[in-house]
Every structure is written in C-alpha cells, then in structure tokens.
C-alpha cells in the first residue's frame, strides 16, 4: 500500500451486532469480492480464583496502538491478496458475552481472506498495546494483556 490510509479503529464500549451486520451489508455492492473472513472476539465469563468475570475494561496507549494497527493493515495488504479489510477494537467497558474485537477481510478467494484475517488477529494480540482490566462479580479486578 503506497499511501497511509487513516482508519478509525477504536469503538467506545462493545461492538454491536448491528454494526457488524451493517459492515457486512456495505460490501454487497463490491462485486469483485468472492469471500469474506471475520473474527469476533467476545468477552468470556471466565472463573478466576472462584470469582466470575462480568466485564473487561479496555484501555490502550492510543497513539502507539493506532500506529501499530496502521502497520498491520499495510502489511496485510502487501502480503495477502485482499481487496478490503477492517479492524475495530473496543475501549472502555465490555460486558461478558459482548464483542470487543471485529476483524473483517475480503478477497477474491477464501484462502486469501482467511489467511489475512488470521495473520491480522495474531499480530493484534501480540503487538498492539491494548490491555483489559477484568472486572469480577465481587468488585475485584485485575489487569491483563489483551488476549
């Protein structure tokens, strides 16, 4: 990708199913696309030390995270035959059962869309400075790297 394209990545709170559906429907006019791959990261109600996770509060080193998202985006276009890609990540409170990460890739062929989506998700998890504070049902909390 020769020019840097700015893209809003962060969403306040949970990513709604309606937002996801709308994102998908907008691609119906792009007739050269033959495949889409989606990854949806959902907050789990894990049990930790006998307590249930009821939500995660996401924070980020925003400027650095946005630079890293742009780098991942550029690398995805350079290394995979994709037509379109979108990344959305929550900031703030996301309750158990809600979506906090939405990665959407489109390509002529399914393998390209799937491979690109997987690479993007793995790089986000390893490289982007986003953290989640797990909120427990007993009002305790603990910080962890976004996974």
Protein backbone atom coordinates (compact mmCIF):
# COMPACT_ATOMS: atom_id res chain seq x y z
CA UNK A 1 0.00 0.00 0.00
CA UNK A 2 1.67 3.18 -1.13
CA UNK A 3 -0.27 5.78 0.86
CA UNK A 4 -1.18 5.62 4.52
CA UNK A 5 -4.93 5.44 4.93
CA UNK A 6 -6.28 6.60 8.26
CA UNK A 7 -8.98 4.37 9.68
CA UNK A 8 -10.93 4.69 12.91
CA UNK A 9 -10.20 1.50 14.85
CA UNK A 10 -11.36 2.18 18.39
CA UNK A 11 -15.02 1.93 19.37
CA UNK A 12 -16.38 3.12 22.71
CA UNK A 13 -17.78 0.10 24.55
CA UNK A 14 -18.96 -3.11 22.92
CA UNK A 15 -19.14 -3.60 19.16
CA UNK A 16 -22.81 -4.15 18.41
CA UNK A 17 -24.20 -6.95 16.22
CA UNK A 18 -25.97 -4.23 14.19
CA UNK A 19 -22.63 -2.54 13.47
CA UNK A 20 -21.18 -5.87 12.31
CA UNK A 21 -24.20 -6.62 10.12
CA UNK A 22 -24.06 -3.13 8.61
CA UNK A 23 -20.35 -3.54 7.85
CA UNK A 24 -21.03 -6.80 6.05
CA UNK A 25 -24.00 -5.44 4.10
CA UNK A 26 -21.97 -2.48 2.79
CA UNK A 27 -19.80 -4.95 0.86
CA UNK A 28 -22.63 -6.34 -1.28
CA UNK A 29 -22.00 -3.66 -3.88
CA UNK A 30 -18.38 -4.80 -4.32
CA UNK A 31 -18.95 -7.47 -6.95
CA UNK A 32 -15.26 -8.47 -7.27
CA UNK A 33 -15.27 -9.97 -3.76
CA UNK A 34 -15.77 -13.72 -3.58
CA UNK A 35 -15.01 -14.31 0.11
CA UNK A 36 -15.07 -12.66 3.50
CA UNK A 37 -13.44 -13.81 6.70
CA UNK A 38 -14.47 -12.47 10.08
CA UNK A 39 -13.06 -12.77 13.55
CA UNK A 40 -15.18 -11.73 16.51
CA UNK A 41 -13.52 -11.55 19.91
CA UNK A 42 -16.08 -11.95 22.68
CA UNK A 43 -15.60 -11.32 26.40
CA UNK A 44 -15.78 -14.62 28.29
CA UNK A 45 -17.26 -15.06 31.74
CA UNK A 46 -14.12 -16.85 32.95
CA UNK A 47 -13.86 -18.04 36.51
CA UNK A 48 -10.67 -16.82 38.21
CA UNK A 49 -9.87 -17.75 41.79
CA UNK A 50 -13.51 -18.66 42.34
CA UNK A 51 -14.84 -15.35 41.00
CA UNK A 52 -16.65 -14.73 37.72
CA UNK A 53 -15.50 -12.18 35.16
CA UNK A 54 -18.51 -9.95 34.47
CA UNK A 55 -16.79 -7.46 32.13
CA UNK A 56 -13.48 -6.21 30.82
CA UNK A 57 -12.48 -2.57 30.81
CA UNK A 58 -10.17 -1.97 27.83
CA UNK A 59 -7.53 0.73 27.72
CA UNK A 60 -4.77 1.44 25.25
CA UNK A 61 -1.71 3.50 24.62
CA UNK A 62 -3.81 5.04 21.88
CA UNK A 63 -1.23 6.80 19.69
CA UNK A 64 1.10 3.81 19.66
CA UNK A 65 -1.81 1.40 19.14
CA UNK A 66 -3.13 3.38 16.16
CA UNK A 67 0.36 3.35 14.58
CA UNK A 68 0.60 -0.41 15.11
CA UNK A 69 -2.88 -1.00 13.65
CA UNK A 70 -1.85 1.00 10.57
CA UNK A 71 1.37 -1.02 10.23
CA UNK A 72 -0.57 -4.30 10.49
CA UNK A 73 -3.07 -3.02 7.92
CA UNK A 74 -0.34 -2.06 5.45
CA UNK A 75 1.45 -5.38 5.95
CA UNK A 76 -1.79 -7.30 5.35
CA UNK A 77 -2.34 -5.57 2.00
CA UNK A 78 1.29 -6.15 1.00
CA UNK A 79 1.43 -9.82 2.00
CA UNK A 80 -2.07 -11.04 1.08
CA UNK A 81 -4.29 -10.68 -1.97
CA UNK A 82 -7.11 -8.91 -0.15
CA UNK A 83 -9.46 -6.28 -1.50
CA UNK A 84 -10.70 -4.84 1.75
CA UNK A 85 -10.06 -5.08 5.49
CA UNK A 86 -11.43 -3.53 8.65
CA UNK A 87 -10.33 -3.68 12.27
CA UNK A 88 -12.42 -2.44 15.19
CA UNK A 89 -11.41 -2.77 18.85
CA UNK A 90 -13.33 -1.72 21.93
CA UNK A 91 -12.15 0.74 24.52
CA UNK A 92 -13.95 1.09 27.82
CA UNK A 93 -16.34 -1.36 29.40
CA UNK A 94 -17.43 -4.51 27.55
CA UNK A 95 -19.64 -6.98 29.40
CA UNK A 96 -19.28 -10.76 29.27
CA UNK A 97 -20.94 -12.02 26.10
CA UNK A 98 -20.32 -8.80 24.16
CA UNK A 99 -17.93 -8.30 21.23
CA UNK A 100 -14.66 -6.41 21.80
CA UNK A 101 -12.75 -7.14 18.57
CA UNK A 102 -14.01 -7.30 14.99
CA UNK A 103 -11.63 -8.11 12.13
CA UNK A 104 -13.13 -8.34 8.63
CA UNK A 105 -11.18 -9.21 5.47
CA UNK A 106 -12.41 -9.56 1.90
CA UNK A 107 -10.75 -11.12 -1.13
CA UNK A 108 -11.46 -12.71 -4.48
CA UNK A 109 -10.76 -16.17 -2.97
CA UNK A 110 -11.49 -17.57 0.52
CA UNK A 111 -7.95 -18.70 1.37
CA UNK A 112 -6.63 -15.16 0.94
CA UNK A 113 -9.38 -13.71 3.14
CA UNK A 114 -8.95 -16.40 5.83
CA UNK A 115 -5.14 -16.26 5.91
CA UNK A 116 -5.11 -12.46 6.10
CA UNK A 117 -7.70 -12.41 8.87
CA UNK A 118 -5.74 -14.94 10.93
CA UNK A 119 -2.47 -13.05 10.49
CA UNK A 120 -4.10 -9.76 11.50
CA UNK A 121 -5.69 -11.20 14.65
CA UNK A 122 -2.44 -12.87 15.77
CA UNK A 123 -0.45 -9.68 15.25
CA UNK A 124 -3.02 -7.59 17.12
CA UNK A 125 -2.82 -9.91 20.09
CA UNK A 126 0.99 -9.92 20.12
CA UNK A 127 1.86 -6.35 19.15
CA UNK A 128 -0.86 -3.81 19.89
CA UNK A 129 -0.69 -2.05 23.29
CA UNK A 130 -4.25 -2.73 24.44
CA UNK A 131 -4.95 -4.04 27.94
CA UNK A 132 -8.01 -5.40 29.64
CA UNK A 133 -8.92 -5.00 33.29
CA UNK A 134 -11.11 -7.96 34.24
CA UNK A 135 -13.96 -6.90 36.48
CA UNK A 136 -15.15 -9.61 38.83
CA UNK A 137 -18.57 -10.20 40.37
CA UNK A 138 -17.13 -9.43 43.82
CA UNK A 139 -15.93 -5.96 42.68
CA UNK A 140 -12.29 -7.10 42.48
CA UNK A 141 -10.36 -6.59 39.28
CA UNK A 142 -7.05 -7.50 37.65
CA UNK A 143 -5.14 -6.22 34.62
CA UNK A 144 -4.01 -8.46 31.79
CA UNK A 145 -2.63 -8.10 28.27
CA UNK A 146 -5.37 -8.15 25.66
CA UNK A 147 -6.00 -11.78 24.65
